């Protein structure tokens, strides 16, 4: 039934996903690293496209995609897709929100532990022959309060792991109509009270017009003195200049960042020069398990969209 239907693979995808598309009778066409006119040309004659975070499906690109019917992002968020244009053209659009939840949650605690126990500078010193045991006194996570901003799949995975670290958890999510009963131990808070109460604030929101710049200078000022900010969601959610100022002045004790407003982050980014910042290059979904889940889930969603499967 699906013979002849083409799916452009615009960003590298796990081989299992390509096999899953072929098993459903779809024809994957691998062309990555495209933009502008080259991307428009590659979309000509295809029925669906699967992207990750690199390919930008702008309004101009989608306006020229005459045969395109379905867009799937293998990952969370849809900030690289012009949703208004896709909707106006009647295109199906989806992501794979559950695929990288575990990987992102584990990275949050990897970053947080590395920050609070000074693991990177301590390991670097030791590699240079410096045994600095007393220099790097850290802080435990146990007994501290974690504020989770965004309580979807990833936020809940983070909260579950925080409980294992004996942290108290509070959470904020204005979009949840009802709080999940199984997370009664993570009480709901409005954003400002959560910021004032939490020793660690971790962000797990999509980037959208109402979340861009959400953590601005005023909200950073409302955070508990000496608190830590973790952002493994999207860089544009945080006012980076305001965060850098708060860290330099000691109003916040540290920040753990996997994302930046501009990516790749420039080497001279002011946050990267601060000793109380640990940063990684958007590694949240960079595990083999997450990539395989995202790819196979994207393939299944694409098959349902184009073939009307289950």
C-alpha atoms as a PDB file:
ATOM      1  CA  UNK A   1       0.000   0.000   0.000  1.00  0.00           C
ATOM      2  CA  UNK A   2       2.867   2.341   0.678  1.00  0.00           C
ATOM      3  CA  UNK A   3       4.981   1.572  -2.417  1.00  0.00           C
ATOM      4  CA  UNK A   4       6.257   4.728  -4.040  1.00  0.00           C
ATOM      5  CA  UNK A   5       5.825   6.939  -0.965  1.00  0.00           C
ATOM      6  CA  UNK A   6       9.112   8.725  -0.253  1.00  0.00           C
ATOM      7  CA  UNK A   7      10.360  10.004   3.097  1.00  0.00           C
ATOM      8  CA  UNK A   8      13.252  12.448   3.178  1.00  0.00           C
ATOM      9  CA  UNK A   9      15.656  11.735   6.042  1.00  0.00           C
ATOM     10  CA  UNK A  10      16.982  15.270   6.481  1.00  0.00           C
ATOM     11  CA  UNK A  11      19.183  14.549   9.519  1.00  0.00           C
ATOM     12  CA  UNK A  12      21.129  11.371  10.358  1.00  0.00           C
ATOM     13  CA  UNK A  13      18.826   8.660  11.702  1.00  0.00           C
ATOM     14  CA  UNK A  14      19.442   5.350  13.435  1.00  0.00           C
ATOM     15  CA  UNK A  15      19.630   2.446  10.927  1.00  0.00           C
ATOM     16  CA  UNK A  16      16.783   0.697  12.756  1.00  0.00           C
ATOM     17  CA  UNK A  17      14.493   3.568  11.803  1.00  0.00           C
ATOM     18  CA  UNK A  18      15.388   3.262   8.133  1.00  0.00           C
ATOM     19  CA  UNK A  19      14.706  -0.458   8.299  1.00  0.00           C
ATOM     20  CA  UNK A  20      11.351   0.198   9.977  1.00  0.00           C
ATOM     21  CA  UNK A  21      10.337   2.585   7.175  1.00  0.00           C
ATOM     22  CA  UNK A  22      11.292   0.085   4.501  1.00  0.00           C
ATOM     23  CA  UNK A  23       9.435  -2.697   6.326  1.00  0.00           C
ATOM     24  CA  UNK A  24       6.264  -0.605   6.002  1.00  0.00           C
ATOM     25  CA  UNK A  25       6.797  -0.087   2.285  1.00  0.00           C
ATOM     26  CA  UNK A  26       8.087   3.464   2.541  1.00  0.00           C
ATOM     27  CA  UNK A  27      11.183   4.639   0.685  1.00  0.00           C
ATOM     28  CA  UNK A  28      13.661   6.609   2.836  1.00  0.00           C
ATOM     29  CA  UNK A  29      15.846   9.104   0.977  1.00  0.00           C
ATOM     30  CA  UNK A  30      18.877  10.176   3.034  1.00  0.00           C
ATOM     31  CA  UNK A  31      20.002  13.775   2.380  1.00  0.00           C
ATOM     32  CA  UNK A  32      21.356  15.549   5.437  1.00  0.00           C
ATOM     33  CA  UNK A  33      22.953  18.942   5.986  1.00  0.00           C
ATOM     34  CA  UNK A  34      20.636  20.821   3.618  1.00  0.00           C
ATOM     35  CA  UNK A  35      19.116  24.276   3.919  1.00  0.00           C
ATOM     36  CA  UNK A  36      17.380  26.865   1.737  1.00  0.00           C
ATOM     37  CA  UNK A  37      17.081  26.055  -1.965  1.00  0.00           C
ATOM     38  CA  UNK A  38      18.929  22.750  -1.585  1.00  0.00           C
ATOM     39  CA  UNK A  39      16.414  21.618   1.023  1.00  0.00           C
ATOM     40  CA  UNK A  40      13.491  22.760  -1.138  1.00  0.00           C
ATOM     41  CA  UNK A  41      14.891  20.741  -4.039  1.00  0.00           C
ATOM     42  CA  UNK A  42      15.324  17.657  -1.852  1.00  0.00           C
ATOM     43  CA  UNK A  43      11.707  17.932  -0.650  1.00  0.00           C
ATOM     44  CA  UNK A  44      10.362  17.927  -4.214  1.00  0.00           C
ATOM     45  CA  UNK A  45       8.417  14.731  -4.797  1.00  0.00           C
ATOM     46  CA  UNK A  46       8.595  13.431  -1.212  1.00  0.00           C
ATOM     47  CA  UNK A  47       5.569  12.709   0.937  1.00  0.00           C
ATOM     48  CA  UNK A  48       7.154  12.935   4.370  1.00  0.00           C
ATOM     49  CA  UNK A  49      10.256  14.296   6.053  1.00  0.00           C
ATOM     50  CA  UNK A  50      11.967  13.233   9.276  1.00  0.00           C
ATOM     51  CA  UNK A  51      14.248  15.774  10.936  1.00  0.00           C
ATOM     52  CA  UNK A  52      16.182  16.068  14.158  1.00  0.00           C
ATOM     53  CA  UNK A  53      17.333  19.450  15.439  1.00  0.00           C
ATOM     54  CA  UNK A  54      19.680  20.619  12.686  1.00  0.00           C
ATOM     55  CA  UNK A  55      17.349  20.958   9.702  1.00  0.00           C
ATOM     56  CA  UNK A  56      15.174  24.083   9.736  1.00  0.00           C
ATOM     57  CA  UNK A  57      11.793  23.729   8.063  1.00  0.00           C
ATOM     58  CA  UNK A  58      11.133  27.432   7.683  1.00  0.00           C
ATOM     59  CA  UNK A  59       8.010  29.073   6.269  1.00  0.00           C
ATOM     60  CA  UNK A  60       9.785  29.657   2.963  1.00  0.00           C
ATOM     61  CA  UNK A  61      10.940  26.054   2.694  1.00  0.00           C
ATOM     62  CA  UNK A  62       7.500  24.645   3.534  1.00  0.00           C
ATOM     63  CA  UNK A  63       5.754  27.025   1.138  1.00  0.00           C
ATOM     64  CA  UNK A  64       7.633  25.359  -1.732  1.00  0.00           C
ATOM     65  CA  UNK A  65       7.181  21.761  -0.527  1.00  0.00           C
ATOM     66  CA  UNK A  66       4.306  20.944  -2.852  1.00  0.00           C
ATOM     67  CA  UNK A  67       4.042  17.210  -2.210  1.00  0.00           C
ATOM     68  CA  UNK A  68       4.923  17.154   1.491  1.00  0.00           C
ATOM     69  CA  UNK A  69       2.172  15.760   3.738  1.00  0.00           C
ATOM     70  CA  UNK A  70       3.887  14.768   6.985  1.00  0.00           C
ATOM     71  CA  UNK A  71       6.697  16.111   9.171  1.00  0.00           C
ATOM     72  CA  UNK A  72       8.125  14.166  12.116  1.00  0.00           C
ATOM     73  CA  UNK A  73      10.920  15.338  14.378  1.00  0.00           C
ATOM     74  CA  UNK A  74      12.920  12.519  15.933  1.00  0.00           C
ATOM     75  CA  UNK A  75      13.262  14.210  19.307  1.00  0.00           C
ATOM     76  CA  UNK A  76      11.471  16.677  21.552  1.00  0.00           C
ATOM     77  CA  UNK A  77      10.308  20.141  20.622  1.00  0.00           C
ATOM     78  CA  UNK A  78       9.270  21.524  17.252  1.00  0.00           C
ATOM     79  CA  UNK A  79      11.068  24.867  17.332  1.00  0.00           C
ATOM     80  CA  UNK A  80      12.843  24.089  14.035  1.00  0.00           C
ATOM     81  CA  UNK A  81       9.501  23.708  12.208  1.00  0.00           C
ATOM     82  CA  UNK A  82       7.318  26.648  11.176  1.00  0.00           C
ATOM     83  CA  UNK A  83       4.109  25.264  12.627  1.00  0.00           C
ATOM     84  CA  UNK A  84       1.850  28.028  11.327  1.00  0.00           C
ATOM     85  CA  UNK A  85       2.850  27.368   7.715  1.00  0.00           C
ATOM     86  CA  UNK A  86       2.667  23.606   8.150  1.00  0.00           C
ATOM     87  CA  UNK A  87      -0.845  23.920   9.592  1.00  0.00           C
ATOM     88  CA  UNK A  88      -1.945  26.271   6.824  1.00  0.00           C
ATOM     89  CA  UNK A  89      -0.723  23.748   4.250  1.00  0.00           C
ATOM     90  CA  UNK A  90      -2.608  20.924   5.981  1.00  0.00           C
ATOM     91  CA  UNK A  91       0.543  19.015   6.909  1.00  0.00           C
ATOM     92  CA  UNK A  92       0.703  16.470   9.710  1.00  0.00           C
ATOM     93  CA  UNK A  93       3.354  17.442  12.281  1.00  0.00           C
ATOM     94  CA  UNK A  94       4.610  15.412  15.246  1.00  0.00           C
ATOM     95  CA  UNK A  95       7.650  14.801  17.405  1.00  0.00           C
ATOM     96  CA  UNK A  96       8.763  11.891  19.611  1.00  0.00           C
ATOM     97  CA  UNK A  97       8.464  13.368  23.113  1.00  0.00           C
ATOM     98  CA  UNK A  98       9.069  10.177  25.077  1.00  0.00           C
ATOM     99  CA  UNK A  99      12.146   8.955  23.224  1.00  0.00           C
ATOM    100  CA  UNK A 100      14.869  10.883  25.045  1.00  0.00           C
ATOM    101  CA  UNK A 101      13.251  11.388  28.468  1.00  0.00           C
ATOM    102  CA  UNK A 102      15.541   8.966  30.307  1.00  0.00           C
ATOM    103  CA  UNK A 103      18.695  10.221  28.576  1.00  0.00           C
ATOM    104  CA  UNK A 104      17.941  13.861  29.390  1.00  0.00           C
ATOM    105  CA  UNK A 105      17.027  13.048  32.995  1.00  0.00           C
ATOM    106  CA  UNK A 106      20.276  11.147  33.492  1.00  0.00           C
ATOM    107  CA  UNK A 107      22.264  14.015  31.977  1.00  0.00           C
ATOM    108  CA  UNK A 108      20.616  16.478  34.375  1.00  0.00           C
ATOM    109  CA  UNK A 109      21.995  14.557  37.331  1.00  0.00           C
ATOM    110  CA  UNK A 110      25.346  14.016  35.646  1.00  0.00           C
ATOM    111  CA  UNK A 111      25.676  17.783  35.214  1.00  0.00           C
ATOM    112  CA  UNK A 112      24.372  18.542  38.681  1.00  0.00           C
ATOM    113  CA  UNK A 113      26.703  16.092  40.412  1.00  0.00           C
ATOM    114  CA  UNK A 114      29.668  17.292  38.353  1.00  0.00           C
ATOM    115  CA  UNK A 115      28.881  20.895  39.276  1.00  0.00           C
ATOM    116  CA  UNK A 116      28.289  20.357  42.984  1.00  0.00           C
ATOM    117  CA  UNK A 117      31.262  18.001  43.468  1.00  0.00           C
ATOM    118  CA  UNK A 118      33.635  19.957  41.171  1.00  0.00           C
ATOM    119  CA  UNK A 119      34.402  16.810  39.219  1.00  0.00           C
ATOM    120  CA  UNK A 120      35.737  18.439  36.059  1.00  0.00           C
ATOM    121  CA  UNK A 121      38.375  20.741  37.626  1.00  0.00           C
ATOM    122  CA  UNK A 122      39.315  18.093  40.213  1.00  0.00           C
ATOM    123  CA  UNK A 123      39.879  15.476  37.512  1.00  0.00           C
ATOM    124  CA  UNK A 124      41.792  18.007  35.410  1.00  0.00           C
ATOM    125  CA  UNK A 125      44.060  18.901  38.321  1.00  0.00           C
ATOM    126  CA  UNK A 126      44.699  15.250  39.112  1.00  0.00           C
ATOM    127  CA  UNK A 127      45.595  14.544  35.473  1.00  0.00           C
ATOM    128  CA  UNK A 128      48.263  17.247  35.833  1.00  0.00           C
ATOM    129  CA  UNK A 129      49.619  15.628  38.964  1.00  0.00           C
ATOM    130  CA  UNK A 130      47.883  17.891  41.483  1.00  0.00           C
ATOM    131  CA  UNK A 131      46.284  16.091  44.423  1.00  0.00           C
ATOM    132  CA  UNK A 132      43.834  18.840  45.509  1.00  0.00           C
ATOM    133  CA  UNK A 133      41.721  16.928  48.006  1.00  0.00           C
ATOM    134  CA  UNK A 134      40.846  19.885  50.250  1.00  0.00           C
ATOM    135  CA  UNK A 135      40.362  22.411  47.440  1.00  0.00           C
ATOM    136  CA  UNK A 136      37.206  20.834  46.048  1.00  0.00           C
ATOM    137  CA  UNK A 137      34.780  20.504  48.949  1.00  0.00           C
ATOM    138  CA  UNK A 138      31.342  20.067  47.443  1.00  0.00           C
ATOM    139  CA  UNK A 139      27.679  19.883  48.444  1.00  0.00           C
ATOM    140  CA  UNK A 140      25.329  16.928  48.750  1.00  0.00           C
ATOM    141  CA  UNK A 141      22.034  16.749  46.906  1.00  0.00           C
ATOM    142  CA  UNK A 142      20.263  14.951  49.755  1.00  0.00           C
ATOM    143  CA  UNK A 143      17.925  17.150  51.749  1.00  0.00           C
ATOM    144  CA  UNK A 144      17.799  19.915  49.168  1.00  0.00           C
ATOM    145  CA  UNK A 145      14.719  21.022  47.221  1.00  0.00           C
ATOM    146  CA  UNK A 146      14.545  20.517  43.464  1.00  0.00           C
ATOM    147  CA  UNK A 147      12.130  22.723  41.539  1.00  0.00           C
ATOM    148  CA  UNK A 148      11.087  21.141  38.231  1.00  0.00           C
ATOM    149  CA  UNK A 149       9.729  23.674  35.720  1.00  0.00           C
ATOM    150  CA  UNK A 150       7.825  21.686  33.105  1.00  0.00           C
ATOM    151  CA  UNK A 151       6.337  18.435  34.352  1.00  0.00           C
ATOM    152  CA  UNK A 152       5.924  16.403  31.206  1.00  0.00           C
ATOM    153  CA  UNK A 153       7.718  13.138  30.474  1.00  0.00           C
ATOM    154  CA  UNK A 154      11.225  14.484  31.027  1.00  0.00           C
ATOM    155  CA  UNK A 155      10.305  16.505  34.114  1.00  0.00           C
ATOM    156  CA  UNK A 156       8.746  13.436  35.706  1.00  0.00           C
ATOM    157  CA  UNK A 157      11.797  11.299  34.957  1.00  0.00           C
ATOM    158  CA  UNK A 158      13.953  13.959  36.624  1.00  0.00           C
ATOM    159  CA  UNK A 159      11.643  14.107  39.643  1.00  0.00           C
ATOM    160  CA  UNK A 160      11.755  10.325  40.031  1.00  0.00           C
ATOM    161  CA  UNK A 161      15.548  10.352  40.105  1.00  0.00           C
ATOM    162  CA  UNK A 162      15.615  13.278  42.524  1.00  0.00           C
ATOM    163  CA  UNK A 163      13.554  11.222  44.947  1.00  0.00           C
ATOM    164  CA  UNK A 164      16.226   8.529  44.823  1.00  0.00           C
ATOM    165  CA  UNK A 165      18.769  11.185  45.826  1.00  0.00           C
ATOM    166  CA  UNK A 166      16.614  12.046  48.870  1.00  0.00           C
ATOM    167  CA  UNK A 167      15.722  15.458  47.486  1.00  0.00           C
ATOM    168  CA  UNK A 168      12.396  17.161  48.101  1.00  0.00           C
ATOM    169  CA  UNK A 169      10.620  17.950  44.807  1.00  0.00           C
ATOM    170  CA  UNK A 170       8.207  20.713  43.839  1.00  0.00           C
ATOM    171  CA  UNK A 171       7.028  21.253  40.283  1.00  0.00           C
ATOM    172  CA  UNK A 172       5.365  23.783  37.996  1.00  0.00           C
ATOM    173  CA  UNK A 173       3.468  23.199  34.789  1.00  0.00           C
ATOM    174  CA  UNK A 174       0.625  25.524  33.764  1.00  0.00           C
ATOM    175  CA  UNK A 175      -0.464  23.243  30.929  1.00  0.00           C
ATOM    176  CA  UNK A 176      -1.338  20.186  33.005  1.00  0.00           C
ATOM    177  CA  UNK A 177      -5.106  20.212  33.623  1.00  0.00           C
ATOM    178  CA  UNK A 178      -4.804  17.697  36.462  1.00  0.00           C
ATOM    179  CA  UNK A 179      -1.755  16.841  38.537  1.00  0.00           C
ATOM    180  CA  UNK A 180      -0.745  13.182  38.099  1.00  0.00           C
ATOM    181  CA  UNK A 181      -1.866  11.227  41.166  1.00  0.00           C
ATOM    182  CA  UNK A 182       1.284   9.105  41.169  1.00  0.00           C
ATOM    183  CA  UNK A 183       3.337  12.281  41.750  1.00  0.00           C
ATOM    184  CA  UNK A 184       1.461  13.525  44.796  1.00  0.00           C
ATOM    185  CA  UNK A 185       4.856  13.585  46.543  1.00  0.00           C
ATOM    186  CA  UNK A 186       5.931  16.358  44.099  1.00  0.00           C
ATOM    187  CA  UNK A 187       3.438  19.135  44.918  1.00  0.00           C
ATOM    188  CA  UNK A 188       2.392  21.686  42.339  1.00  0.00           C
ATOM    189  CA  UNK A 189       3.643  25.256  42.695  1.00  0.00           C
ATOM    190  CA  UNK A 190       3.220  28.525  40.839  1.00  0.00           C
ATOM    191  CA  UNK A 191       6.463  29.609  39.183  1.00  0.00           C
ATOM    192  CA  UNK A 192       7.499  32.435  41.507  1.00  0.00           C
ATOM    193  CA  UNK A 193       7.027  30.463  44.750  1.00  0.00           C
ATOM    194  CA  UNK A 194       8.905  27.544  43.218  1.00  0.00           C
ATOM    195  CA  UNK A 195      11.847  29.787  42.339  1.00  0.00           C
ATOM    196  CA  UNK A 196      11.979  31.185  45.864  1.00  0.00           C
ATOM    197  CA  UNK A 197      11.757  27.744  47.496  1.00  0.00           C
ATOM    198  CA  UNK A 198      14.118  25.663  45.383  1.00  0.00           C
ATOM    199  CA  UNK A 199      17.815  25.028  45.988  1.00  0.00           C
ATOM    200  CA  UNK A 200      18.052  23.700  42.428  1.00  0.00           C
ATOM    201  CA  UNK A 201      15.793  24.748  39.540  1.00  0.00           C
ATOM    202  CA  UNK A 202      15.738  22.540  36.450  1.00  0.00           C
ATOM    203  CA  UNK A 203      13.952  23.511  33.217  1.00  0.00           C
ATOM    204  CA  UNK A 204      12.024  21.079  31.023  1.00  0.00           C
ATOM    205  CA  UNK A 205       9.866  23.228  28.763  1.00  0.00           C
ATOM    206  CA  UNK A 206       9.571  23.526  24.989  1.00  0.00           C
ATOM    207  CA  UNK A 207      10.720  26.759  23.379  1.00  0.00           C
ATOM    208  CA  UNK A 208       7.613  28.694  22.378  1.00  0.00           C
ATOM    209  CA  UNK A 209       6.575  32.361  22.319  1.00  0.00           C
ATOM    210  CA  UNK A 210       5.319  32.143  25.917  1.00  0.00           C
ATOM    211  CA  UNK A 211       8.471  30.404  27.222  1.00  0.00           C
ATOM    212  CA  UNK A 212      11.124  32.416  25.373  1.00  0.00           C
ATOM    213  CA  UNK A 213      12.944  34.471  27.996  1.00  0.00           C
ATOM    214  CA  UNK A 214      10.801  32.953  30.767  1.00  0.00           C
ATOM    215  CA  UNK A 215      13.735  32.900  33.184  1.00  0.00           C
ATOM    216  CA  UNK A 216      14.633  36.560  32.859  1.00  0.00           C
ATOM    217  CA  UNK A 217      16.461  38.942  35.184  1.00  0.00           C
ATOM    218  CA  UNK A 218      13.374  39.500  37.354  1.00  0.00           C
ATOM    219  CA  UNK A 219      12.765  35.772  37.843  1.00  0.00           C
ATOM    220  CA  UNK A 220      16.430  35.042  38.432  1.00  0.00           C
ATOM    221  CA  UNK A 221      16.305  37.702  41.169  1.00  0.00           C
ATOM    222  CA  UNK A 222      13.415  35.787  42.783  1.00  0.00           C
ATOM    223  CA  UNK A 223      15.464  32.593  43.004  1.00  0.00           C
ATOM    224  CA  UNK A 224      16.745  31.461  46.368  1.00  0.00           C
ATOM    225  CA  UNK A 225      20.150  33.018  47.153  1.00  0.00           C
ATOM    226  CA  UNK A 226      22.872  30.515  46.339  1.00  0.00           C
ATOM    227  CA  UNK A 227      20.575  28.364  44.181  1.00  0.00           C
ATOM    228  CA  UNK A 228      21.653  26.416  41.094  1.00  0.00           C
ATOM    229  CA  UNK A 229      19.998  26.607  37.660  1.00  0.00           C
ATOM    230  CA  UNK A 230      20.005  23.594  35.315  1.00  0.00           C
ATOM    231  CA  UNK A 231      18.894  23.974  31.708  1.00  0.00           C
ATOM    232  CA  UNK A 232      18.790  20.890  29.502  1.00  0.00           C
ATOM    233  CA  UNK A 233      15.702  22.037  27.580  1.00  0.00           C
ATOM    234  CA  UNK A 234      16.198  24.983  25.182  1.00  0.00           C
ATOM    235  CA  UNK A 235      18.622  27.877  25.475  1.00  0.00           C
ATOM    236  CA  UNK A 236      16.138  30.600  24.583  1.00  0.00           C
ATOM    237  CA  UNK A 237      14.145  29.977  27.759  1.00  0.00           C
ATOM    238  CA  UNK A 238      16.861  31.710  29.832  1.00  0.00           C
ATOM    239  CA  UNK A 239      18.124  35.287  29.593  1.00  0.00           C
ATOM    240  CA  UNK A 240      21.800  34.349  29.324  1.00  0.00           C
ATOM    241  CA  UNK A 241      23.130  37.836  30.110  1.00  0.00           C
ATOM    242  CA  UNK A 242      21.042  37.994  33.286  1.00  0.00           C
ATOM    243  CA  UNK A 243      22.183  34.517  34.292  1.00  0.00           C
ATOM    244  CA  UNK A 244      25.839  35.429  33.755  1.00  0.00           C
ATOM    245  CA  UNK A 245      25.408  38.549  35.893  1.00  0.00           C
ATOM    246  CA  UNK A 246      23.785  36.571  38.733  1.00  0.00           C
ATOM    247  CA  UNK A 247      26.596  34.014  38.643  1.00  0.00           C
ATOM    248  CA  UNK A 248      29.363  36.626  38.594  1.00  0.00           C
ATOM    249  CA  UNK A 249      27.772  38.456  41.526  1.00  0.00           C
ATOM    250  CA  UNK A 250      27.314  35.263  43.548  1.00  0.00           C
ATOM    251  CA  UNK A 251      23.516  35.554  43.775  1.00  0.00           C
ATOM    252  CA  UNK A 252      23.389  32.081  42.227  1.00  0.00           C
ATOM    253  CA  UNK A 253      26.051  29.565  43.176  1.00  0.00           C
ATOM    254  CA  UNK A 254      26.195  27.795  39.845  1.00  0.00           C
ATOM    255  CA  UNK A 255      24.596  26.767  36.567  1.00  0.00           C
ATOM    256  CA  UNK A 256      24.635  23.521  34.591  1.00  0.00           C
ATOM    257  CA  UNK A 257      23.816  24.062  30.923  1.00  0.00           C
ATOM    258  CA  UNK A 258      23.368  21.698  27.999  1.00  0.00           C
ATOM    259  CA  UNK A 259      21.715  24.242  25.686  1.00  0.00           C
ATOM    260  CA  UNK A 260      22.297  27.805  24.515  1.00  0.00           C
ATOM    261  CA  UNK A 261      20.242  30.411  22.728  1.00  0.00           C
ATOM    262  CA  UNK A 262      22.676  30.297  19.827  1.00  0.00           C
ATOM    263  CA  UNK A 263      24.090  26.899  18.923  1.00  0.00           C
ATOM    264  CA  UNK A 264      26.860  26.074  18.493  1.00  0.00           C
ATOM    265  CA  UNK A 265      27.681  28.399  21.375  1.00  0.00           C
ATOM    266  CA  UNK A 266      30.572  30.731  20.467  1.00  0.00           C
ATOM    267  CA  UNK A 267      33.885  30.031  22.168  1.00  0.00           C
ATOM    268  CA  UNK A 268      33.843  33.502  23.743  1.00  0.00           C
ATOM    269  CA  UNK A 269      30.374  33.068  25.280  1.00  0.00           C
ATOM    270  CA  UNK A 270      30.503  34.807  28.680  1.00  0.00           C
ATOM    271  CA  UNK A 271      28.912  31.869  30.505  1.00  0.00           C
ATOM    272  CA  UNK A 272      31.654  29.493  29.362  1.00  0.00           C
ATOM    273  CA  UNK A 273      34.325  31.558  31.089  1.00  0.00           C
ATOM    274  CA  UNK A 274      32.731  31.374  34.536  1.00  0.00           C
ATOM    275  CA  UNK A 275      34.179  28.915  37.073  1.00  0.00           C
ATOM    276  CA  UNK A 276      30.726  28.162  38.547  1.00  0.00           C
ATOM    277  CA  UNK A 277      29.315  26.943  35.222  1.00  0.00           C
ATOM    278  CA  UNK A 278      29.493  23.471  33.729  1.00  0.00           C
ATOM    279  CA  UNK A 279      28.336  23.244  30.124  1.00  0.00           C
ATOM    280  CA  UNK A 280      27.961  20.558  27.479  1.00  0.00           C
ATOM    281  CA  UNK A 281      27.152  20.822  23.727  1.00  0.00           C
ATOM    282  CA  UNK A 282      23.460  19.789  23.703  1.00  0.00           C
ATOM    283  CA  UNK A 283      24.066  16.176  24.672  1.00  0.00           C
ATOM    284  CA  UNK A 284      20.630  15.506  26.197  1.00  0.00           C
ATOM    285  CA  UNK A 285      19.524  12.976  23.596  1.00  0.00           C
ATOM    286  CA  UNK A 286      23.029  11.837  22.658  1.00  0.00           C
ATOM    287  CA  UNK A 287      22.831   8.226  23.737  1.00  0.00           C
ATOM    288  CA  UNK A 288      22.525   5.211  21.507  1.00  0.00           C
ATOM    289  CA  UNK A 289      19.357   4.165  23.287  1.00  0.00           C
ATOM    290  CA  UNK A 290      17.652   7.545  22.859  1.00  0.00           C
ATOM    291  CA  UNK A 291      18.606   7.805  19.201  1.00  0.00           C
ATOM    292  CA  UNK A 292      17.275   4.353  18.452  1.00  0.00           C
ATOM    293  CA  UNK A 293      14.011   5.051  20.298  1.00  0.00           C
ATOM    294  CA  UNK A 294      13.575   8.417  18.594  1.00  0.00           C
ATOM    295  CA  UNK A 295      14.237   6.997  15.164  1.00  0.00           C
ATOM    296  CA  UNK A 296      11.979   3.958  15.411  1.00  0.00           C
ATOM    297  CA  UNK A 297       9.216   6.013  17.035  1.00  0.00           C
ATOM    298  CA  UNK A 298       9.521   8.614  14.265  1.00  0.00           C
ATOM    299  CA  UNK A 299       9.278   5.868  11.650  1.00  0.00           C
ATOM    300  CA  UNK A 300       6.133   4.462  13.252  1.00  0.00           C
ATOM    301  CA  UNK A 301       4.516   7.900  13.438  1.00  0.00           C
ATOM    302  CA  UNK A 302       5.399   8.600   9.806  1.00  0.00           C
ATOM    303  CA  UNK A 303       3.875   5.286   8.727  1.00  0.00           C
ATOM    304  CA  UNK A 304       0.648   6.090  10.564  1.00  0.00           C
ATOM    305  CA  UNK A 305       0.525   9.537   8.996  1.00  0.00           C
ATOM    306  CA  UNK A 306       1.141   8.420   5.415  1.00  0.00           C
ATOM    307  CA  UNK A 307      -0.447   4.972   5.431  1.00  0.00           C
ATOM    308  CA  UNK A 308      -3.142   5.309   8.074  1.00  0.00           C
ATOM    309  CA  UNK A 309      -1.626   2.488  10.126  1.00  0.00           C
ATOM    310  CA  UNK A 310      -2.910   1.731  13.635  1.00  0.00           C
END
